[in-house]
Amino acid sequence: MRVVDYNAMLPRRISSIIDERGFKQCAIAQRAGFSSQQFTDMLNGRRIIKACDILAIADALGVEVNELFATHDDRAS
């Protein structure tokens, strides 16, 4: 998988985890240290998600970082 594929996949995976677990996007943004607008911009591709952002988001979601990069096939195993 190419880097560009991960960059496109990451926001979708974060949104999926938020939906699956019944979280509110604004609550995750706050727990990760972002404004609601900053977090929305990340999820909509208007702001780059940096490595340090990924750590904060994973922590706010209560998941390991690798879960943010898991594909559907990875999770099925």
PDB file of N, CA and C in Angstrom:
ATOM      1  N   MET A   1       0.848  -1.177   0.000  1.00  0.00           N
ATOM      2  CA  MET A   1       0.000   0.000   0.000  1.00  0.00           C
ATOM      3  C   MET A   1       0.896   1.243   0.000  1.00  0.00           C
ATOM      4  N   ARG A   2       0.544   2.198  -0.818  1.00  0.00           N
ATOM      5  CA  ARG A   2       1.327   3.425  -0.937  1.00  0.00           C
ATOM      6  C   ARG A   2       0.963   4.413   0.166  1.00  0.00           C
ATOM      7  N   VAL A   3       1.869   5.353   0.424  1.00  0.00           N
ATOM      8  CA  VAL A   3       1.639   6.364   1.460  1.00  0.00           C
ATOM      9  C   VAL A   3       0.356   7.137   1.177  1.00  0.00           C
ATOM     10  N   VAL A   4       0.136   7.489  -0.068  1.00  0.00           N
ATOM     11  CA  VAL A   4      -1.068   8.248  -0.410  1.00  0.00           C
ATOM     12  C   VAL A   4      -2.329   7.464  -0.057  1.00  0.00           C
ATOM     13  N   ASP A   5      -2.270   6.137  -0.161  1.00  0.00           N
ATOM     14  CA  ASP A   5      -3.423   5.316   0.207  1.00  0.00           C
ATOM     15  C   ASP A   5      -3.686   5.383   1.707  1.00  0.00           C
ATOM     16  N   TYR A   6      -2.620   5.366   2.509  1.00  0.00           N
ATOM     17  CA  TYR A   6      -2.784   5.497   3.958  1.00  0.00           C
ATOM     18  C   TYR A   6      -3.350   6.865   4.319  1.00  0.00           C
ATOM     19  N   ASN A   7      -2.872   7.915   3.623  1.00  0.00           N
ATOM     20  CA  ASN A   7      -3.356   9.264   3.909  1.00  0.00           C
ATOM     21  C   ASN A   7      -4.844   9.393   3.604  1.00  0.00           C
ATOM     22  N   ALA A   8      -5.319   8.690   2.610  1.00  0.00           N
ATOM     23  CA  ALA A   8      -6.741   8.721   2.282  1.00  0.00           C
ATOM     24  C   ALA A   8      -7.537   7.834   3.230  1.00  0.00           C
ATOM     25  N   MET A   9      -6.921   6.742   3.675  1.00  0.00           N
ATOM     26  CA  MET A   9      -7.609   5.766   4.501  1.00  0.00           C
ATOM     27  C   MET A   9      -7.750   6.219   5.956  1.00  0.00           C
ATOM     28  N   LEU A  10      -6.759   6.908   6.477  1.00  0.00           N
ATOM     29  CA  LEU A  10      -6.736   7.259   7.893  1.00  0.00           C
ATOM     30  C   LEU A  10      -7.969   8.034   8.349  1.00  0.00           C
ATOM     31  N   PRO A  11      -8.363   9.112   7.670  1.00  0.00           N
ATOM     32  CA  PRO A  11      -9.571   9.819   8.118  1.00  0.00           C
ATOM     33  C   PRO A  11     -10.825   8.944   8.083  1.00  0.00           C
ATOM     34  N   ARG A  12     -10.927   8.089   7.070  1.00  0.00           N
ATOM     35  CA  ARG A  12     -12.092   7.188   6.988  1.00  0.00           C
ATOM     36  C   ARG A  12     -12.091   6.206   8.152  1.00  0.00           C
ATOM     37  N   ARG A  13     -10.922   5.704   8.514  1.00  0.00           N
ATOM     38  CA  ARG A  13     -10.836   4.742   9.611  1.00  0.00           C
ATOM     39  C   ARG A  13     -11.162   5.406  10.944  1.00  0.00           C
ATOM     40  N   ILE A  14     -10.671   6.616  11.140  1.00  0.00           N
ATOM     41  CA  ILE A  14     -10.984   7.348  12.379  1.00  0.00           C
ATOM     42  C   ILE A  14     -12.493   7.565  12.476  1.00  0.00           C
ATOM     43  N   SER A  15     -13.094   8.018  11.384  1.00  0.00           N
ATOM     44  CA  SER A  15     -14.545   8.237  11.371  1.00  0.00           C
ATOM     45  C   SER A  15     -15.301   6.939  11.629  1.00  0.00           C
ATOM     46  N   SER A  16     -14.807   5.853  11.074  1.00  0.00           N
ATOM     47  CA  SER A  16     -15.445   4.550  11.261  1.00  0.00           C
ATOM     48  C   SER A  16     -15.413   4.127  12.734  1.00  0.00           C
ATOM     49  N   ILE A  17     -14.277   4.310  13.384  1.00  0.00           N
ATOM     50  CA  ILE A  17     -14.160   3.957  14.802  1.00  0.00           C
ATOM     51  C   ILE A  17     -15.097   4.831  15.640  1.00  0.00           C
ATOM     52  N   ILE A  18     -15.161   6.100  15.318  1.00  0.00           N
ATOM     53  CA  ILE A  18     -16.065   7.010  16.033  1.00  0.00           C
ATOM     54  C   ILE A  18     -17.502   6.514  15.911  1.00  0.00           C
ATOM     55  N   ASP A  19     -17.903   6.147  14.702  1.00  0.00           N
ATOM     56  CA  ASP A  19     -19.269   5.658  14.467  1.00  0.00           C
ATOM     57  C   ASP A  19     -19.516   4.314  15.146  1.00  0.00           C
ATOM     58  N   GLU A  20     -18.572   3.382  14.988  1.00  0.00           N
ATOM     59  CA  GLU A  20     -18.728   2.034  15.557  1.00  0.00           C
ATOM     60  C   GLU A  20     -18.910   2.072  17.073  1.00  0.00           C
ATOM     61  N   ARG A  21     -18.204   2.974  17.713  1.00  0.00           N
ATOM     62  CA  ARG A  21     -18.218   3.015  19.176  1.00  0.00           C
ATOM     63  C   ARG A  21     -19.206   4.027  19.746  1.00  0.00           C
ATOM     64  N   GLY A  22     -19.911   4.717  18.863  1.00  0.00           N
ATOM     65  CA  GLY A  22     -20.936   5.647  19.312  1.00  0.00           C
ATOM     66  C   GLY A  22     -20.398   6.913  19.949  1.00  0.00           C
ATOM     67  N   PHE A  23     -19.157   7.275  19.593  1.00  0.00           N
ATOM     68  CA  PHE A  23     -18.576   8.499  20.122  1.00  0.00           C
ATOM     69  C   PHE A  23     -19.107   9.711  19.384  1.00  0.00           C
ATOM     70  N   LYS A  24     -18.980  10.855  19.988  1.00  0.00           N
ATOM     71  CA  LYS A  24     -19.273  12.127  19.338  1.00  0.00           C
ATOM     72  C   LYS A  24     -17.954  12.683  18.823  1.00  0.00           C
ATOM     73  N   GLN A  25     -17.950  13.134  17.586  1.00  0.00           N
ATOM     74  CA  GLN A  25     -16.736  13.659  16.976  1.00  0.00           C
ATOM     75  C   GLN A  25     -16.160  14.815  17.780  1.00  0.00           C
ATOM     76  N   CYS A  26     -17.022  15.696  18.281  1.00  0.00           N
ATOM     77  CA  CYS A  26     -16.537  16.857  19.046  1.00  0.00           C
ATOM     78  C   CYS A  26     -15.890  16.419  20.363  1.00  0.00           C
ATOM     79  N   ALA A  27     -16.363  15.335  20.959  1.00  0.00           N
ATOM     80  CA  ALA A  27     -15.776  14.838  22.204  1.00  0.00           C
ATOM     81  C   ALA A  27     -14.384  14.260  21.946  1.00  0.00           C
ATOM     82  N   ILE A  28     -14.229  13.540  20.848  1.00  0.00           N
ATOM     83  CA  ILE A  28     -12.914  12.989  20.502  1.00  0.00           C
ATOM     84  C   ILE A  28     -11.951  14.130  20.181  1.00  0.00           C
ATOM     85  N   ALA A  29     -12.420  15.126  19.467  1.00  0.00           N
ATOM     86  CA  ALA A  29     -11.582  16.289  19.155  1.00  0.00           C
ATOM     87  C   ALA A  29     -11.065  16.928  20.437  1.00  0.00           C
ATOM     88  N   GLN A  30     -11.951  17.143  21.371  1.00  0.00           N
ATOM     89  CA  GLN A  30     -11.577  17.782  22.636  1.00  0.00           C
ATOM     90  C   GLN A  30     -10.592  16.917  23.414  1.00  0.00           C
ATOM     91  N   ARG A  31     -10.854  15.618  23.491  1.00  0.00           N
ATOM     92  CA  ARG A  31      -9.960  14.711  24.225  1.00  0.00           C
ATOM     93  C   ARG A  31      -8.585  14.638  23.586  1.00  0.00           C
ATOM     94  N   ALA A  32      -8.520  14.825  22.260  1.00  0.00           N
ATOM     95  CA  ALA A  32      -7.239  14.772  21.548  1.00  0.00           C
ATOM     96  C   ALA A  32      -6.525  16.122  21.550  1.00  0.00           C
ATOM     97  N   GLY A  33      -7.208  17.166  22.029  1.00  0.00           N
ATOM     98  CA  GLY A  33      -6.579  18.475  22.112  1.00  0.00           C
ATOM     99  C   GLY A  33      -6.771  19.354  20.896  1.00  0.00           C
ATOM    100  N   PHE A  34      -7.810  19.081  20.100  1.00  0.00           N
ATOM    101  CA  PHE A  34      -8.097  19.870  18.910  1.00  0.00           C
ATOM    102  C   PHE A  34      -9.429  20.582  19.070  1.00  0.00           C
ATOM    103  N   SER A  35      -9.589  21.655  18.336  1.00  0.00           N
ATOM    104  CA  SER A  35     -10.914  22.260  18.261  1.00  0.00           C
ATOM    105  C   SER A  35     -11.769  21.365  17.361  1.00  0.00           C
ATOM    106  N   SER A  36     -13.063  21.521  17.457  1.00  0.00           N
ATOM    107  CA  SER A  36     -13.956  20.742  16.590  1.00  0.00           C
ATOM    108  C   SER A  36     -13.650  21.014  15.125  1.00  0.00           C
ATOM    109  N   GLN A  37     -13.361  22.266  14.802  1.00  0.00           N
ATOM    110  CA  GLN A  37     -13.077  22.643  13.412  1.00  0.00           C
ATOM    111  C   GLN A  37     -11.770  22.010  12.924  1.00  0.00           C
ATOM    112  N   GLN A  38     -10.743  22.031  13.755  1.00  0.00           N
ATOM    113  CA  GLN A  38      -9.469  21.406  13.373  1.00  0.00           C
ATOM    114  C   GLN A  38      -9.664  19.922  13.081  1.00  0.00           C
ATOM    115  N   PHE A  39     -10.399  19.251  13.953  1.00  0.00           N
ATOM    116  CA  PHE A  39     -10.610  17.813  13.800  1.00  0.00           C
ATOM    117  C   PHE A  39     -11.456  17.522  12.557  1.00  0.00           C
ATOM    118  N   THR A  40     -12.474  18.307  12.337  1.00  0.00           N
ATOM    119  CA  THR A  40     -13.301  18.155  11.139  1.00  0.00           C
ATOM    120  C   THR A  40     -12.456  18.349   9.886  1.00  0.00           C
ATOM    121  N   ASP A  41     -11.574  19.344   9.911  1.00  0.00           N
ATOM    122  CA  ASP A  41     -10.696  19.584   8.770  1.00  0.00           C
ATOM    123  C   ASP A  41      -9.778  18.389   8.519  1.00  0.00           C
ATOM    124  N   MET A  42      -9.291  17.758   9.577  1.00  0.00           N
ATOM    125  CA  MET A  42      -8.456  16.560   9.425  1.00  0.00           C
ATOM    126  C   MET A  42      -9.249  15.434   8.765  1.00  0.00           C
ATOM    127  N   LEU A  43     -10.450  15.225   9.237  1.00  0.00           N
ATOM    128  CA  LEU A  43     -11.258  14.116   8.726  1.00  0.00           C
ATOM    129  C   LEU A  43     -11.761  14.359   7.312  1.00  0.00           C
ATOM    130  N   ASN A  44     -11.798  15.620   6.912  1.00  0.00           N
ATOM    131  CA  ASN A  44     -12.259  15.959   5.558  1.00  0.00           C
ATOM    132  C   ASN A  44     -11.118  16.276   4.599  1.00  0.00           C
ATOM    133  N   GLY A  45      -9.872  16.025   5.030  1.00  0.00           N
ATOM    134  CA  GLY A  45      -8.731  16.196   4.151  1.00  0.00           C
ATOM    135  C   GLY A  45      -8.276  17.625   3.932  1.00  0.00           C
ATOM    136  N   ARG A  46      -8.764  18.546   4.743  1.00  0.00           N
ATOM    137  CA  ARG A  46      -8.357  19.942   4.605  1.00  0.00           C
ATOM    138  C   ARG A  46      -7.173  20.280   5.505  1.00  0.00           C
ATOM    139  N   ARG A  47      -6.778  19.343   6.338  1.00  0.00           N
ATOM    140  CA  ARG A  47      -5.639  19.526   7.239  1.00  0.00           C
ATOM    141  C   ARG A  47      -4.900  18.194   7.330  1.00  0.00           C
ATOM    142  N   ILE A  48      -3.595  18.246   7.229  1.00  0.00           N
ATOM    143  CA  ILE A  48      -2.775  17.040   7.286  1.00  0.00           C
ATOM    144  C   ILE A  48      -2.785  16.484   8.711  1.00  0.00           C
ATOM    145  N   ILE A  49      -2.940  15.184   8.806  1.00  0.00           N
ATOM    146  CA  ILE A  49      -2.862  14.509  10.107  1.00  0.00           C
ATOM    147  C   ILE A  49      -1.405  14.112  10.307  1.00  0.00           C
ATOM    148  N   LYS A  50      -0.738  14.769  11.236  1.00  0.00           N
ATOM    149  CA  LYS A  50       0.682  14.515  11.503  1.00  0.00           C
ATOM    150  C   LYS A  50       0.828  13.335  12.459  1.00  0.00           C
ATOM    151  N   ALA A  51       2.060  12.836  12.558  1.00  0.00           N
ATOM    152  CA  ALA A  51       2.335  11.700  13.436  1.00  0.00           C
ATOM    153  C   ALA A  51       1.923  11.990  14.873  1.00  0.00           C
ATOM    154  N   CYS A  52       2.231  13.187  15.350  1.00  0.00           N
ATOM    155  CA  CYS A  52       1.860  13.526  16.732  1.00  0.00           C
ATOM    156  C   CYS A  52       0.334  13.609  16.879  1.00  0.00           C
ATOM    157  N   ASP A  53      -0.361  13.993  15.817  1.00  0.00           N
ATOM    158  CA  ASP A  53      -1.823  14.024  15.840  1.00  0.00           C
ATOM    159  C   ASP A  53      -2.382  12.609  15.937  1.00  0.00           C
ATOM    160  N   ILE A  54      -1.765  11.685  15.226  1.00  0.00           N
ATOM    161  CA  ILE A  54      -2.224  10.299  15.223  1.00  0.00           C
ATOM    162  C   ILE A  54      -2.164   9.714  16.626  1.00  0.00           C
ATOM    163  N   LEU A  55      -1.079   9.995  17.333  1.00  0.00           N
ATOM    164  CA  LEU A  55      -0.940   9.495  18.707  1.00  0.00           C
ATOM    165  C   LEU A  55      -2.046  10.049  19.605  1.00  0.00           C
ATOM    166  N   ALA A  56      -2.319  11.344  19.489  1.00  0.00           N
ATOM    167  CA  ALA A  56      -3.356  11.969  20.309  1.00  0.00           C
ATOM    168  C   ALA A  56      -4.743  11.416  19.968  1.00  0.00           C
ATOM    169  N   ILE A  57      -4.998  11.207  18.687  1.00  0.00           N
ATOM    170  CA  ILE A  57      -6.303  10.695  18.256  1.00  0.00           C
ATOM    171  C   ILE A  57      -6.497   9.254  18.731  1.00  0.00           C
ATOM    172  N   ALA A  58      -5.463   8.428  18.577  1.00  0.00           N
ATOM    173  CA  ALA A  58      -5.559   7.037  19.042  1.00  0.00           C
ATOM    174  C   ALA A  58      -5.833   6.996  20.538  1.00  0.00           C
ATOM    175  N   ASP A  59      -5.142   7.836  21.289  1.00  0.00           N
ATOM    176  CA  ASP A  59      -5.349   7.888  22.733  1.00  0.00           C
ATOM    177  C   ASP A  59      -6.783   8.324  23.060  1.00  0.00           C
ATOM    178  N   ALA A  60      -7.270   9.334  22.366  1.00  0.00           N
ATOM    179  CA  ALA A  60      -8.632   9.827  22.600  1.00  0.00           C
ATOM    180  C   ALA A  60      -9.681   8.762  22.263  1.00  0.00           C
ATOM    181  N   LEU A  61      -9.395   7.947  21.251  1.00  0.00           N
ATOM    182  CA  LEU A  61     -10.321   6.882  20.856  1.00  0.00           C
ATOM    183  C   LEU A  61     -10.177   5.633  21.724  1.00  0.00           C
ATOM    184  N   GLY A  62      -9.068   5.550  22.459  1.00  0.00           N
ATOM    185  CA  GLY A  62      -8.822   4.367  23.283  1.00  0.00           C
ATOM    186  C   GLY A  62      -8.401   3.164  22.472  1.00  0.00           C
ATOM    187  N   VAL A  63      -7.657   3.410  21.379  1.00  0.00           N
ATOM    188  CA  VAL A  63      -7.187   2.325  20.520  1.00  0.00           C
ATOM    189  C   VAL A  63      -5.678   2.414  20.355  1.00  0.00           C
ATOM    190  N   GLU A  64      -5.081   1.336  19.910  1.00  0.00           N
ATOM    191  CA  GLU A  64      -3.668   1.335  19.548  1.00  0.00           C
ATOM    192  C   GLU A  64      -3.528   2.027  18.192  1.00  0.00           C
ATOM    193  N   VAL A  65      -2.391   2.643  17.967  1.00  0.00           N
ATOM    194  CA  VAL A  65      -2.153   3.351  16.705  1.00  0.00           C
ATOM    195  C   VAL A  65      -2.340   2.428  15.514  1.00  0.00           C
ATOM    196  N   ASN A  66      -1.884   1.188  15.618  1.00  0.00           N
ATOM    197  CA  ASN A  66      -2.005   0.275  14.478  1.00  0.00           C
ATOM    198  C   ASN A  66      -3.456   0.016  14.092  1.00  0.00           C
ATOM    199  N   GLU A  67      -4.376   0.163  15.023  1.00  0.00           N
ATOM    200  CA  GLU A  67      -5.792  -0.024  14.689  1.00  0.00           C
ATOM    201  C   GLU A  67      -6.295   1.071  13.747  1.00  0.00           C
ATOM    202  N   LEU A  68      -5.679   2.236  13.807  1.00  0.00           N
ATOM    203  CA  LEU A  68      -6.063   3.324  12.906  1.00  0.00           C
ATOM    204  C   LEU A  68      -5.651   3.018  11.466  1.00  0.00           C
ATOM    205  N   PHE A  69      -4.672   2.142  11.297  1.00  0.00           N
ATOM    206  CA  PHE A  69      -4.184   1.797   9.969  1.00  0.00           C
ATOM    207  C   PHE A  69      -4.640   0.426   9.515  1.00  0.00           C
ATOM    208  N   ALA A  70      -5.471  -0.232  10.309  1.00  0.00           N
ATOM    209  CA  ALA A  70      -5.949  -1.565   9.958  1.00  0.00           C
ATOM    210  C   ALA A  70      -6.927  -1.479   8.797  1.00  0.00           C
ATOM    211  N   THR A  71      -6.745  -2.368   7.845  1.00  0.00           N
ATOM    212  CA  THR A  71      -7.693  -2.460   6.745  1.00  0.00           C
ATOM    213  C   THR A  71      -8.798  -3.417   7.152  1.00  0.00           C
ATOM    214  N   HIS A  72      -9.829  -3.477   6.365  1.00  0.00           N
ATOM    215  CA  HIS A  72     -10.943  -4.391   6.646  1.00  0.00           C
ATOM    216  C   HIS A  72     -10.426  -5.828   6.758  1.00  0.00           C
ATOM    217  N   ASP A  73      -9.500  -6.208   5.872  1.00  0.00           N
ATOM    218  CA  ASP A  73      -8.940  -7.559   5.888  1.00  0.00           C
ATOM    219  C   ASP A  73      -8.168  -7.824   7.173  1.00  0.00           C
ATOM    220  N   ASP A  74      -7.428  -6.808   7.643  1.00  0.00           N
ATOM    221  CA  ASP A  74      -6.649  -6.947   8.886  1.00  0.00           C
ATOM    222  C   ASP A  74      -7.566  -7.194  10.069  1.00  0.00           C
ATOM    223  N   ARG A  75      -8.709  -6.504  10.108  1.00  0.00           N
ATOM    224  CA  ARG A  75      -9.615  -6.630  11.235  1.00  0.00           C
ATOM    225  C   ARG A  75     -10.403  -7.926  11.203  1.00  0.00           C
ATOM    226  N   ALA A  76     -10.574  -8.530  10.032  1.00  0.00           N
ATOM    227  CA  ALA A  76     -11.357  -9.764   9.896  1.00  0.00           C
ATOM    228  C   ALA A  76     -10.587 -10.977  10.417  1.00  0.00           C
ATOM    229  N   SER A  77      -9.259 -10.873  10.472  1.00  0.00           N
ATOM    230  CA  SER A  77      -8.470 -12.025  10.919  1.00  0.00           C
ATOM    231  C   SER A  77      -8.462 -12.187  12.406  1.00  0.00           C
TER     232      SER A  77
END
